[in-house]
Amino acid sequence: MRATQLPGRGQDVHDPHFGESLGLAEGRHRTLRQTYGTEAGQLNLRLLALARGAHDLRSLDAGRPGGLPIEVWHGLLTEDRLNLAPFRKPGSNRRGSGSALPLGPLAAVQLYTTNANPLIEGKGHSPLCRHAQHSAAVVRGDDLLAVADLMARTDSDWCSKCGGYALRRLTDTQLSYYRAAHRLHDIKEQLHNQTGIPDADPSAVIASLDELATWQPVDEAKWGGSDSWQWQETVRELTRMAARSHAVTMPS
């Protein structure tokens, strides 16, 4: 089994394809790539569409061998993990620390593990991990967490091979927000370097911040309250910093 990875590692966060391995579209492609034969492919896509409607994937456990094909499970779940750096609190080291952005649409994203309780013997595995007892499927006995739960925990005992859990693939809104948050976090890191002057042209940075200030969900998902306020406040703070850098770099 391939090692899990943080999606987008080595990829520019401003690349429009950043993080696409986490999304629904990639899940569909993954199901098709792993399926042999046109007829089987169409059947698996229909199964994938139906399974995506399940609120809790553990409800798909039929209690018997078989069930959904492994190709469909790879369409529902990803072995890659979220890079949660933008949402962590700032550390003592300004460079590389978190930006404390709100989780927003990502807070309720589901992840499944064979064991979320470190007091119970046995590490937590992804249901897709070969070390899981019921490999290649989510079963009733698995544990369900949300990303918000994961962020709040420090006591997990995860498998080092698979990362401990499988993430439910991100909707278009969740993937859009994930990308926007990483772009904002990257700008924050640029502005907090030693000189306080961004690596890119300050005017281009300000233009990017103006674009990020207008971020809205691509569907009808709620975006408001404290999350929206915190997002806008971060954008305003970084815009002020970029404007000061612009003033410094302008010829006198």
Protein backbone atom coordinates (compact mmCIF):
# COMPACT_ATOMS: atom_id res chain seq x y z
CA MET A 1 0.00 0.00 0.00
CA ARG A 2 1.34 3.40 -0.87
CA ALA A 3 2.24 5.73 1.96
CA THR A 4 -0.29 8.42 2.73
CA GLN A 5 0.69 11.93 1.83
CA LEU A 6 -0.38 15.48 2.40
CA PRO A 7 -2.08 16.47 -0.86
CA GLY A 8 -0.37 19.29 -2.67
CA ARG A 9 3.02 18.66 -1.08
CA GLY A 10 5.56 20.14 -3.48
CA GLN A 11 2.76 21.84 -5.40
CA ASP A 12 2.17 25.58 -5.45
CA VAL A 13 -0.92 26.37 -3.38
CA HIS A 14 -1.89 28.91 -6.03
CA ASP A 15 -2.05 26.17 -8.65
CA PRO A 16 -5.73 25.67 -9.59
CA HIS A 17 -5.21 21.89 -9.25
CA PHE A 18 -3.87 22.12 -5.70
CA GLY A 19 -5.51 19.49 -3.47
CA GLU A 20 -7.58 17.95 -6.26
CA SER A 21 -6.73 14.43 -5.03
CA LEU A 22 -9.09 15.09 -2.12
CA GLY A 23 -12.14 15.95 -4.20
CA LEU A 24 -15.22 14.17 -5.51
CA ALA A 25 -14.09 14.46 -9.14
CA GLU A 26 -10.84 12.64 -8.38
CA GLY A 27 -12.84 10.01 -6.52
CA ARG A 28 -14.88 9.34 -9.64
CA HIS A 29 -11.72 9.13 -11.74
CA ARG A 30 -10.12 6.80 -9.18
CA THR A 31 -13.10 4.44 -9.34
CA LEU A 32 -12.95 4.34 -13.12
CA ARG A 33 -9.18 3.89 -13.26
CA GLN A 34 -9.34 0.89 -10.96
CA THR A 35 -12.29 -0.74 -12.76
CA TYR A 36 -11.75 -3.10 -15.66
CA GLY A 37 -14.39 -3.18 -18.37
CA THR A 38 -16.94 -0.60 -19.50
CA GLU A 39 -19.93 -2.42 -18.07
CA ALA A 40 -18.32 -2.82 -14.63
CA GLY A 41 -17.26 0.83 -14.75
CA GLN A 42 -20.78 2.07 -15.30
CA LEU A 43 -22.09 -0.17 -12.52
CA ASN A 44 -19.43 1.11 -10.10
CA LEU A 45 -20.23 4.72 -10.96
CA ARG A 46 -23.91 4.09 -10.20
CA LEU A 47 -22.95 2.46 -6.90
CA LEU A 48 -20.67 5.39 -6.11
CA ALA A 49 -23.44 7.92 -6.77
CA LEU A 50 -25.83 6.02 -4.50
CA ALA A 51 -23.26 5.52 -1.74
CA ARG A 52 -22.37 9.21 -1.68
CA GLY A 53 -25.90 9.89 -0.46
CA ALA A 54 -25.28 7.97 2.77
CA HIS A 55 -24.84 10.31 5.74
CA ASP A 56 -22.74 7.72 7.60
CA LEU A 57 -20.72 5.31 5.46
CA ARG A 58 -20.83 2.73 8.26
CA SER A 59 -24.48 2.20 7.36
CA LEU A 60 -23.29 0.59 4.10
CA ASP A 61 -21.90 -2.39 6.01
CA ALA A 62 -24.05 -5.31 4.88
CA GLY A 63 -22.67 -7.56 7.61
CA ARG A 64 -21.40 -10.11 5.12
CA PRO A 65 -18.42 -10.60 2.79
CA GLY A 66 -18.56 -8.63 -0.40
CA GLY A 67 -20.58 -5.45 -0.34
CA LEU A 68 -19.32 -2.44 -2.23
CA PRO A 69 -16.36 -3.11 -4.52
CA ILE A 70 -13.02 -1.71 -3.39
CA GLU A 71 -13.05 0.56 -6.45
CA VAL A 72 -16.15 2.28 -5.07
CA TRP A 73 -14.62 2.71 -1.62
CA HIS A 74 -11.68 4.53 -3.20
CA GLY A 75 -14.20 6.84 -4.85
CA LEU A 76 -15.81 7.57 -1.49
CA LEU A 77 -12.67 7.94 0.59
CA THR A 78 -9.15 9.23 0.06
CA GLU A 79 -5.98 7.87 1.60
CA ASP A 80 -4.47 11.37 1.53
CA ARG A 81 -4.70 13.57 4.59
CA LEU A 82 -5.62 17.20 4.88
CA ASN A 83 -2.80 19.66 5.46
CA LEU A 84 -4.29 21.53 8.41
CA ALA A 85 -1.49 24.09 8.86
CA PRO A 86 -3.69 27.11 7.93
CA PHE A 87 -6.12 26.26 10.72
CA ARG A 88 -3.66 25.67 13.54
CA LYS A 89 -2.77 28.33 16.09
CA PRO A 90 0.35 30.43 15.51
CA GLY A 91 3.43 29.04 17.24
CA SER A 92 6.42 30.72 18.74
CA ASN A 93 8.20 30.39 15.41
CA ARG A 94 6.49 32.95 13.16
CA ARG A 95 7.78 31.33 9.99
CA GLY A 96 5.89 28.11 9.35
CA SER A 97 3.36 28.57 12.14
CA GLY A 98 -0.41 28.34 11.76
CA SER A 99 -2.75 31.12 10.70
CA ALA A 100 -5.66 30.22 13.03
CA LEU A 101 -8.14 30.35 10.16
CA PRO A 102 -11.63 28.98 10.86
CA LEU A 103 -12.30 25.43 9.72
CA GLY A 104 -15.55 26.66 8.20
CA PRO A 105 -16.94 24.10 5.71
CA LEU A 106 -14.16 21.67 6.63
CA ALA A 107 -15.20 21.32 10.27
CA ALA A 108 -17.77 18.60 9.62
CA VAL A 109 -15.78 16.63 7.04
CA GLN A 110 -15.87 12.98 8.08
CA LEU A 111 -12.98 10.64 8.68
CA TYR A 112 -13.18 6.95 9.46
CA THR A 113 -10.79 4.91 11.56
CA THR A 114 -10.71 1.41 12.99
CA ASN A 115 -9.92 2.79 16.46
CA ALA A 116 -10.20 6.39 17.62
CA ASN A 117 -9.66 5.60 21.30
CA PRO A 118 -5.97 5.37 22.32
CA LEU A 119 -7.02 3.65 25.57
CA ILE A 120 -8.19 0.65 23.54
CA GLU A 121 -5.40 -1.69 22.50
CA GLY A 122 -4.43 -1.37 18.87
CA LYS A 123 -3.57 1.57 16.68
CA GLY A 124 -6.14 3.35 14.55
CA HIS A 125 -5.99 2.36 10.90
CA SER A 126 -7.64 3.61 7.78
CA PRO A 127 -10.37 1.18 6.67
CA LEU A 128 -8.38 1.04 3.40
CA CYS A 129 -5.18 -0.01 5.19
CA ARG A 130 -3.97 -3.57 4.70
CA HIS A 131 -3.42 -3.77 8.46
CA ALA A 132 -7.08 -3.12 9.19
CA GLN A 133 -9.07 -6.16 10.26
CA HIS A 134 -11.72 -5.54 7.61
CA SER A 135 -9.47 -4.03 4.97
CA ALA A 136 -11.00 -2.15 2.03
CA ALA A 137 -14.34 -1.33 3.61
CA VAL A 138 -15.91 0.78 6.34
CA VAL A 139 -17.77 -1.44 8.79
CA ARG A 140 -20.19 -0.78 11.66
CA GLY A 141 -17.48 -1.22 14.28
CA ASP A 142 -15.31 1.59 12.91
CA ASP A 143 -15.19 5.01 14.53
CA LEU A 144 -16.38 8.22 12.91
CA LEU A 145 -14.80 11.59 13.66
CA ALA A 146 -15.00 15.01 12.10
CA VAL A 147 -12.05 17.23 11.20
CA ALA A 148 -13.03 19.53 14.07
CA ASP A 149 -12.67 16.57 16.46
CA LEU A 150 -9.27 15.75 14.99
CA MET A 151 -8.04 19.32 15.47
CA ALA A 152 -9.05 19.23 19.14
CA ARG A 153 -7.22 15.99 19.94
CA THR A 154 -3.65 15.31 20.99
CA ASP A 155 -4.07 11.73 22.21
CA SER A 156 -4.57 9.74 19.01
CA ASP A 157 -2.54 6.60 18.34
CA TRP A 158 -2.45 6.31 14.56
CA CYS A 159 -0.81 3.80 12.25
CA SER A 160 2.36 5.36 10.79
CA LYS A 161 1.79 3.66 7.44
CA CYS A 162 -1.73 4.80 6.62
CA GLY A 163 -2.03 7.85 8.88
CA GLY A 164 -4.76 6.21 10.94
CA TYR A 165 -7.87 7.22 9.05
CA ALA A 166 -9.49 7.64 5.67
CA LEU A 167 -11.02 10.98 4.79
CA ARG A 168 -14.38 11.30 3.10
CA ARG A 169 -13.83 13.10 -0.19
CA LEU A 170 -14.39 16.85 -0.19
CA THR A 171 -17.38 18.46 -1.86
CA ASP A 172 -16.78 21.32 -4.29
CA THR A 173 -17.39 23.89 -1.53
CA GLN A 174 -15.06 22.15 0.90
CA LEU A 175 -12.29 21.82 -1.70
CA SER A 176 -12.72 25.45 -2.76
CA TYR A 177 -12.38 26.61 0.85
CA TYR A 178 -9.38 24.33 1.45
CA ARG A 179 -7.61 25.92 -1.51
CA ALA A 180 -8.56 29.47 -0.48
CA ALA A 181 -7.34 28.88 3.08
CA HIS A 182 -3.98 27.60 1.85
CA ARG A 183 -3.59 30.60 -0.43
CA LEU A 184 -4.32 32.95 2.47
CA HIS A 185 -1.95 31.04 4.75
CA ASP A 186 0.81 31.21 2.12
CA ILE A 187 0.42 34.99 1.83
CA LYS A 188 0.57 35.27 5.60
CA GLU A 189 3.84 33.35 5.64
CA GLN A 190 5.26 35.56 2.89
CA LEU A 191 4.36 38.71 4.82
CA HIS A 192 5.82 37.34 8.06
CA ASN A 193 9.26 36.61 6.68
CA GLN A 194 12.31 38.36 8.07
CA THR A 195 12.03 41.50 5.98
CA GLY A 196 8.25 41.84 6.13
CA ILE A 197 8.28 42.21 2.35
CA PRO A 198 6.49 39.48 0.38
CA ASP A 199 8.44 37.34 -2.07
CA ALA A 200 6.01 38.37 -4.81
CA ASP A 201 5.10 41.82 -6.07
CA PRO A 202 3.12 43.50 -3.24
CA SER A 203 0.56 44.74 -5.77
CA ALA A 204 -0.07 41.16 -6.89
CA VAL A 205 -0.39 40.06 -3.25
CA ILE A 206 -2.97 42.80 -2.58
CA ALA A 207 -4.89 41.73 -5.70
CA SER A 208 -4.94 38.13 -4.45
CA LEU A 209 -6.18 39.28 -1.06
CA ASP A 210 -8.97 41.28 -2.71
CA GLU A 211 -10.01 38.10 -4.50
CA LEU A 212 -9.88 36.02 -1.33
CA ALA A 213 -11.98 38.60 0.51
CA THR A 214 -14.88 37.76 -1.79
CA TRP A 215 -14.73 33.99 -1.23
CA GLN A 216 -18.18 32.44 -0.98
CA PRO A 217 -19.39 28.82 -1.01
CA VAL A 218 -19.99 27.45 -4.50
CA ASP A 219 -23.33 26.02 -3.31
CA GLU A 220 -25.92 27.03 -0.72
CA ALA A 221 -23.81 26.04 2.28
CA LYS A 222 -23.98 28.55 5.12
CA TRP A 223 -21.04 30.93 5.38
CA GLY A 224 -21.47 33.57 7.99
CA GLY A 225 -21.23 34.39 11.65
CA SER A 226 -17.89 34.17 13.43
CA ASP A 227 -16.22 32.14 10.67
CA SER A 228 -16.90 34.77 8.02
CA TRP A 229 -15.89 37.58 10.38
CA GLN A 230 -12.61 35.83 11.28
CA TRP A 231 -11.83 35.22 7.61
CA GLN A 232 -12.48 38.83 6.66
CA GLU A 233 -10.49 40.13 9.62
CA THR A 234 -7.48 38.03 8.58
CA VAL A 235 -7.74 39.32 5.01
CA ARG A 236 -7.92 42.93 6.23
CA GLU A 237 -4.90 42.49 8.50
CA LEU A 238 -2.81 40.97 5.72
CA THR A 239 -3.94 43.65 3.27
CA ARG A 240 -2.69 46.33 5.67
CA MET A 241 0.63 44.51 5.99
CA ALA A 242 0.96 44.17 2.22
CA ALA A 243 0.14 47.85 1.75
CA ARG A 244 2.89 48.81 4.19
CA SER A 245 5.33 46.56 2.31
CA HIS A 246 4.23 48.22 -0.92
CA ALA A 247 5.01 51.62 0.57
CA VAL A 248 8.45 50.41 1.64
CA THR A 249 9.33 49.01 -1.78
CA MET A 250 8.04 51.96 -3.81
CA PRO A 251 10.83 54.23 -5.08
CA SER A 252 11.05 57.53 -3.21
